[in-house]
Amino acid sequence: MDGSFNFSKLPYEIKFTLYNVDGSIKYSLRQMITEKDKPARLQNIRYDLDKQEIYADSNLFYMATIWNQKTDWRYSSYAKTKHVKLPLSDNKKMVKVGDKVTLYSTVPYTSGIGQEVVIKQNKKLKTPTVKEVTTKSRYVEGTTYPSSKVLVKSGKKNYQGQSDSKGKYKIKILSLSAGSEVAVSAVDRLNQSTPVVKVKVLRVFTKFTTSKIKSGGTALKGTGYIGSEVKAYKSSKLIAKGTIDKKGNYTLKVSKLKKMTHCF
């Protein structure tokens, strides 16, 4: 590198040249610094947590430095354009949502400008998937991002688990009541949170029965939980519905059914 700084006060000129190993010029810049154009704060600061990079725009070509307060890791780079690009970390201890980093911008013989940046989530994650949950379920299962913390809430009870390397999770829970809600969310390795997904707990009808019906029959009969709704379908078409009476019985009136007709 070759630098030429011949000034004592503004305005002054910066000449900067970066050479390749073979002595050829990689790039060079020449810039006049005036009172009007003196160093200012970096603008349009943004970052990509997946790539662990931070970006900003400057009004001058100058030295930009980043300091990770949590790990005391630093990195500096001389900007050859007015677009600053710096790594957020050394990728051993990655920067996460909630961490603080400080950016410094410096032109020789001027005071540096420091800016603290609190890393916020700027990427929307997909909602976890949840398998059907019933009153007989003893686990909440589904998929989300690999190696993520999975949070499950049922009423006032909270459960926590971890998804595996393929994103599958299986978290043990206590018994659930029909109609209650189970909320599931996940937090990935960068401390980014997914939206919450809510599922209803379904009742398992262990006492439900239905009688056989002969060709030409016009009634479906059976037993089940008192007050529950019963529906009959022919293929995917609803053909009858009713409610189980106080004695636990139901009767559904249907049109004459032909032989080999399947109802459920």
Protein backbone atom coordinates (compact mmCIF):
# COMPACT_ATOMS: atom_id res chain seq x y z
CA MET A 1 0.00 0.00 0.00
CA ASP A 2 1.09 3.52 -0.76
CA GLY A 3 -0.50 6.52 0.95
CA SER A 4 0.18 10.20 0.45
CA PHE A 5 -1.26 12.60 3.06
CA ASN A 6 0.19 16.10 2.77
CA PHE A 7 -2.10 18.40 4.77
CA SER A 8 -2.65 19.94 8.17
CA LYS A 9 -6.24 21.07 7.81
CA LEU A 10 -9.15 20.81 5.42
CA PRO A 11 -9.24 20.76 2.46
CA TYR A 12 -6.73 18.01 1.67
CA GLU A 13 -6.19 15.24 -0.83
CA ILE A 14 -5.90 11.50 -0.22
CA LYS A 15 -3.98 9.30 -2.64
CA PHE A 16 -4.24 5.57 -2.06
CA THR A 17 -2.79 2.68 -4.06
CA LEU A 18 -3.03 -1.05 -3.41
CA TYR A 19 -0.52 -3.31 -5.17
CA ASN A 20 -0.65 -6.98 -6.12
CA VAL A 21 2.12 -9.35 -5.03
CA ASP A 22 3.84 -8.98 -8.41
CA GLY A 23 4.00 -5.20 -7.99
CA SER A 24 1.18 -4.37 -10.37
CA ILE A 25 -1.52 -1.97 -9.21
CA LYS A 26 -4.67 -3.67 -7.92
CA TYR A 27 -6.54 -0.39 -7.57
CA SER A 28 -5.87 3.22 -6.66
CA LEU A 29 -7.98 6.15 -5.62
CA ARG A 30 -7.54 9.87 -5.33
CA GLN A 31 -9.95 11.97 -3.33
CA MET A 32 -10.17 15.58 -2.24
CA ILE A 33 -11.52 16.04 1.29
CA THR A 34 -13.22 19.38 1.89
CA GLU A 35 -15.08 20.82 4.86
CA LYS A 36 -18.33 20.10 3.04
CA ASP A 37 -17.39 16.48 2.36
CA LYS A 38 -15.72 15.57 5.65
CA PRO A 39 -16.40 12.08 7.05
CA ALA A 40 -20.01 11.39 8.04
CA ARG A 41 -21.87 8.51 9.63
CA LEU A 42 -22.40 5.41 7.54
CA GLN A 43 -25.83 5.30 5.92
CA ASN A 44 -28.25 2.53 4.88
CA ILE A 45 -26.76 -0.05 7.27
CA ARG A 46 -28.04 -3.57 6.56
CA TYR A 47 -26.87 -7.13 7.10
CA ASP A 48 -27.31 -10.75 6.08
CA LEU A 49 -27.15 -13.09 9.07
CA ASP A 50 -26.98 -16.23 6.92
CA LYS A 51 -23.89 -14.90 5.13
CA GLN A 52 -22.65 -13.14 8.31
CA GLU A 53 -22.00 -9.89 6.43
CA ILE A 54 -22.86 -6.24 7.08
CA TYR A 55 -23.22 -3.54 4.45
CA ALA A 56 -23.40 0.27 4.50
CA ASP A 57 -22.92 3.33 2.31
CA SER A 58 -20.30 6.03 2.97
CA ASN A 59 -19.79 9.56 1.71
CA LEU A 60 -16.02 8.99 1.36
CA PHE A 61 -13.44 6.31 0.73
CA TYR A 62 -12.06 5.43 4.15
CA MET A 63 -11.17 2.76 6.68
CA ALA A 64 -14.17 0.91 8.10
CA THR A 65 -13.85 -1.26 11.20
CA ILE A 66 -16.34 -3.56 12.92
CA TRP A 67 -16.15 -4.65 16.57
CA ASN A 68 -18.25 -7.44 18.00
CA GLN A 69 -18.79 -6.45 21.64
CA LYS A 70 -19.76 -9.97 22.70
CA THR A 71 -16.66 -11.76 21.40
CA ASP A 72 -14.29 -8.74 21.18
CA TRP A 73 -13.67 -9.67 17.54
CA ARG A 74 -12.52 -6.90 15.16
CA TYR A 75 -12.06 -6.57 11.44
CA SER A 76 -11.00 -3.59 9.32
CA SER A 77 -11.05 -2.87 5.61
CA TYR A 78 -10.18 0.14 3.46
CA ALA A 79 -13.10 0.96 1.20
CA LYS A 80 -12.21 1.11 -2.48
CA THR A 81 -15.78 2.17 -3.25
CA LYS A 82 -18.34 4.05 -1.22
CA HIS A 83 -20.13 0.81 -0.46
CA VAL A 84 -18.82 -0.79 2.72
CA LYS A 85 -18.90 -4.58 3.13
CA LEU A 86 -17.54 -6.27 6.26
CA PRO A 87 -17.85 -9.73 7.80
CA LEU A 88 -20.03 -9.80 10.92
CA SER A 89 -17.97 -12.50 12.62
CA ASP A 90 -15.23 -15.06 12.15
CA ASN A 91 -17.99 -17.72 11.72
CA LYS A 92 -16.80 -19.55 14.84
CA LYS A 93 -18.96 -17.48 17.15
CA MET A 94 -21.67 -16.19 14.86
CA VAL A 95 -23.50 -12.92 15.41
CA LYS A 96 -27.14 -13.53 16.36
CA VAL A 97 -30.33 -11.52 16.75
CA GLY A 98 -29.97 -9.33 19.84
CA ASP A 99 -26.15 -9.00 19.64
CA LYS A 100 -24.48 -5.59 19.44
CA VAL A 101 -21.71 -4.62 17.05
CA THR A 102 -19.98 -1.26 16.58
CA LEU A 103 -18.94 0.22 13.25
CA TYR A 104 -16.09 2.75 13.08
CA SER A 105 -15.34 4.87 10.04
CA THR A 106 -12.01 6.71 9.88
CA VAL A 107 -10.15 8.94 7.44
CA PRO A 108 -6.46 9.57 8.32
CA TYR A 109 -5.88 12.58 10.61
CA THR A 110 -9.58 12.90 11.44
CA SER A 111 -11.59 11.69 14.42
CA GLY A 112 -13.27 8.33 13.90
CA ILE A 113 -17.06 8.01 13.96
CA GLY A 114 -18.57 5.11 15.92
CA GLN A 115 -22.04 3.66 15.42
CA GLU A 116 -23.58 0.93 17.56
CA VAL A 117 -25.83 -1.52 15.74
CA VAL A 118 -28.24 -3.86 17.53
CA ILE A 119 -28.88 -6.86 15.30
CA LYS A 120 -32.61 -7.36 14.69
CA GLN A 121 -34.44 -10.10 12.84
CA ASN A 122 -34.93 -9.00 9.23
CA LYS A 123 -35.87 -12.31 7.67
CA LYS A 124 -39.29 -13.98 7.89
CA LEU A 125 -39.04 -17.66 8.77
CA LYS A 126 -41.52 -20.34 7.78
CA THR A 127 -44.11 -21.52 10.29
CA PRO A 128 -43.42 -24.99 11.81
CA THR A 129 -45.60 -27.90 10.71
CA VAL A 130 -47.56 -29.77 13.39
CA LYS A 131 -49.07 -33.24 13.12
CA GLU A 132 -52.67 -33.76 14.25
CA VAL A 133 -53.03 -33.45 18.03
CA THR A 134 -55.77 -35.38 19.86
CA THR A 135 -56.82 -36.11 23.44
CA LYS A 136 -54.81 -39.32 23.12
CA SER A 137 -51.60 -37.57 22.01
CA ARG A 138 -48.65 -37.74 24.38
CA TYR A 139 -46.28 -35.91 22.02
CA VAL A 140 -46.42 -32.86 19.78
CA GLU A 141 -44.63 -33.70 16.54
CA GLY A 142 -43.75 -31.91 13.32
CA THR A 143 -40.97 -30.26 11.34
CA THR A 144 -39.14 -26.93 11.40
CA TYR A 145 -35.61 -25.64 10.76
CA PRO A 146 -32.79 -28.08 11.63
CA SER A 147 -31.16 -27.86 15.09
CA SER A 148 -33.67 -25.29 16.34
CA LYS A 149 -35.21 -24.77 19.77
CA VAL A 150 -38.91 -25.70 19.63
CA LEU A 151 -41.39 -24.06 22.03
CA VAL A 152 -44.80 -25.57 22.78
CA LYS A 153 -47.51 -23.91 24.87
CA SER A 154 -50.72 -25.56 26.03
CA GLY A 155 -52.82 -23.41 28.34
CA LYS A 156 -50.48 -22.26 31.12
CA LYS A 157 -48.01 -25.11 30.52
CA ASN A 158 -44.84 -24.54 28.49
CA TYR A 159 -42.66 -27.24 26.93
CA GLN A 160 -39.35 -27.05 25.10
CA GLY A 161 -37.40 -29.35 22.83
CA GLN A 162 -34.96 -29.47 19.94
CA SER A 163 -35.37 -30.35 16.29
CA ASP A 164 -32.86 -32.80 14.83
CA SER A 165 -30.47 -32.29 11.90
CA LYS A 166 -33.38 -32.88 9.48
CA GLY A 167 -35.73 -30.48 11.28
CA LYS A 168 -37.96 -33.12 12.89
CA TYR A 169 -39.11 -32.63 16.49
CA LYS A 170 -41.07 -34.71 19.03
CA ILE A 171 -41.86 -33.12 22.39
CA LYS A 172 -43.54 -34.98 25.27
CA ILE A 173 -46.60 -33.28 26.78
CA LEU A 174 -49.20 -33.94 29.48
CA SER A 175 -52.77 -34.98 28.65
CA LEU A 176 -54.80 -32.47 26.63
CA SER A 177 -58.49 -31.59 26.69
CA ALA A 178 -60.61 -31.60 23.55
CA GLY A 179 -61.05 -28.18 21.97
CA SER A 180 -58.03 -26.64 23.70
CA GLU A 181 -55.25 -25.00 21.72
CA VAL A 182 -51.59 -25.93 21.32
CA ALA A 183 -49.20 -23.20 20.12
CA VAL A 184 -45.87 -24.11 18.49
CA SER A 185 -42.95 -21.91 17.42
CA ALA A 186 -39.20 -22.34 16.88
CA VAL A 187 -36.00 -20.33 17.32
CA ASP A 188 -33.12 -21.09 14.94
CA ARG A 189 -29.36 -21.03 15.57
CA LEU A 190 -29.20 -17.29 14.80
CA ASN A 191 -31.88 -16.54 17.43
CA GLN A 192 -34.47 -15.83 14.73
CA SER A 193 -38.05 -16.73 15.67
CA THR A 194 -40.67 -18.36 13.46
CA PRO A 195 -44.32 -17.28 13.50
CA VAL A 196 -46.50 -19.17 16.00
CA VAL A 197 -48.81 -21.87 14.65
CA LYS A 198 -51.89 -22.86 16.68
CA VAL A 199 -53.74 -26.18 16.39
CA LYS A 200 -56.92 -27.44 18.03
CA VAL A 201 -56.88 -30.60 20.13
CA LEU A 202 -59.29 -33.13 18.60
CA ARG A 203 -61.42 -35.59 20.55
CA VAL A 204 -60.87 -39.30 19.90
CA PHE A 205 -64.20 -41.13 19.79
CA THR A 206 -63.33 -44.51 21.28
CA LYS A 207 -67.02 -45.34 21.88
CA PHE A 208 -68.25 -44.55 18.38
CA THR A 209 -70.02 -47.37 16.50
CA THR A 210 -72.15 -47.66 13.37
CA SER A 211 -74.43 -50.45 12.23
CA LYS A 212 -74.31 -52.22 8.91
CA ILE A 213 -76.89 -51.18 6.32
CA LYS A 214 -78.29 -53.45 3.64
CA SER A 215 -78.95 -52.53 0.03
CA GLY A 216 -82.06 -50.37 -0.12
CA GLY A 217 -81.68 -49.32 3.52
CA THR A 218 -82.67 -45.77 4.53
CA ALA A 219 -81.14 -45.43 8.01
CA LEU A 220 -77.70 -45.47 9.58
CA LYS A 221 -77.64 -46.22 13.30
CA GLY A 222 -75.00 -46.37 16.00
CA THR A 223 -73.71 -45.11 19.34
CA GLY A 224 -71.24 -42.46 20.50
CA TYR A 225 -70.62 -39.57 22.87
CA ILE A 226 -73.80 -37.74 23.95
CA GLY A 227 -74.29 -34.42 22.14
CA SER A 228 -71.67 -35.08 19.44
CA GLU A 229 -72.43 -34.34 15.79
CA VAL A 230 -72.40 -37.25 13.33
CA LYS A 231 -72.05 -36.89 9.54
CA ALA A 232 -72.43 -39.50 6.79
CA TYR A 233 -70.70 -39.17 3.42
CA LYS A 234 -71.16 -41.02 0.15
CA SER A 235 -67.70 -40.80 -1.37
CA SER A 236 -66.95 -37.15 -0.59
CA LYS A 237 -70.57 -35.95 -0.67
CA LEU A 238 -72.38 -35.25 2.61
CA ILE A 239 -75.66 -37.22 2.60
CA ALA A 240 -76.85 -36.92 6.20
CA LYS A 241 -75.98 -35.47 9.60
CA GLY A 242 -77.41 -35.55 13.10
CA THR A 243 -76.69 -35.40 16.83
CA ILE A 244 -76.18 -38.25 19.31
CA ASP A 245 -79.06 -38.26 21.80
CA LYS A 246 -79.07 -38.32 25.60
CA LYS A 247 -78.86 -42.11 25.61
CA GLY A 248 -75.80 -42.14 23.33
CA ASN A 249 -77.65 -43.28 20.21
CA TYR A 250 -78.06 -41.74 16.77
CA THR A 251 -80.08 -42.43 13.62
CA LEU A 252 -79.35 -40.81 10.25
CA LYS A 253 -82.02 -40.89 7.55
CA VAL A 254 -80.61 -41.45 4.05
CA SER A 255 -82.03 -42.15 0.62
CA LYS A 256 -82.06 -45.78 -0.54
CA LEU A 257 -78.51 -47.01 -0.91
CA LYS A 258 -77.45 -49.31 -3.69
CA LYS A 259 -75.31 -52.37 -3.22
CA MET A 260 -71.54 -51.69 -2.86
CA THR A 261 -72.16 -48.09 -1.71
CA HIS A 262 -69.60 -46.97 0.86
CA CYS A 263 -70.61 -44.54 3.60
CA PHE A 264 -68.46 -43.10 6.38
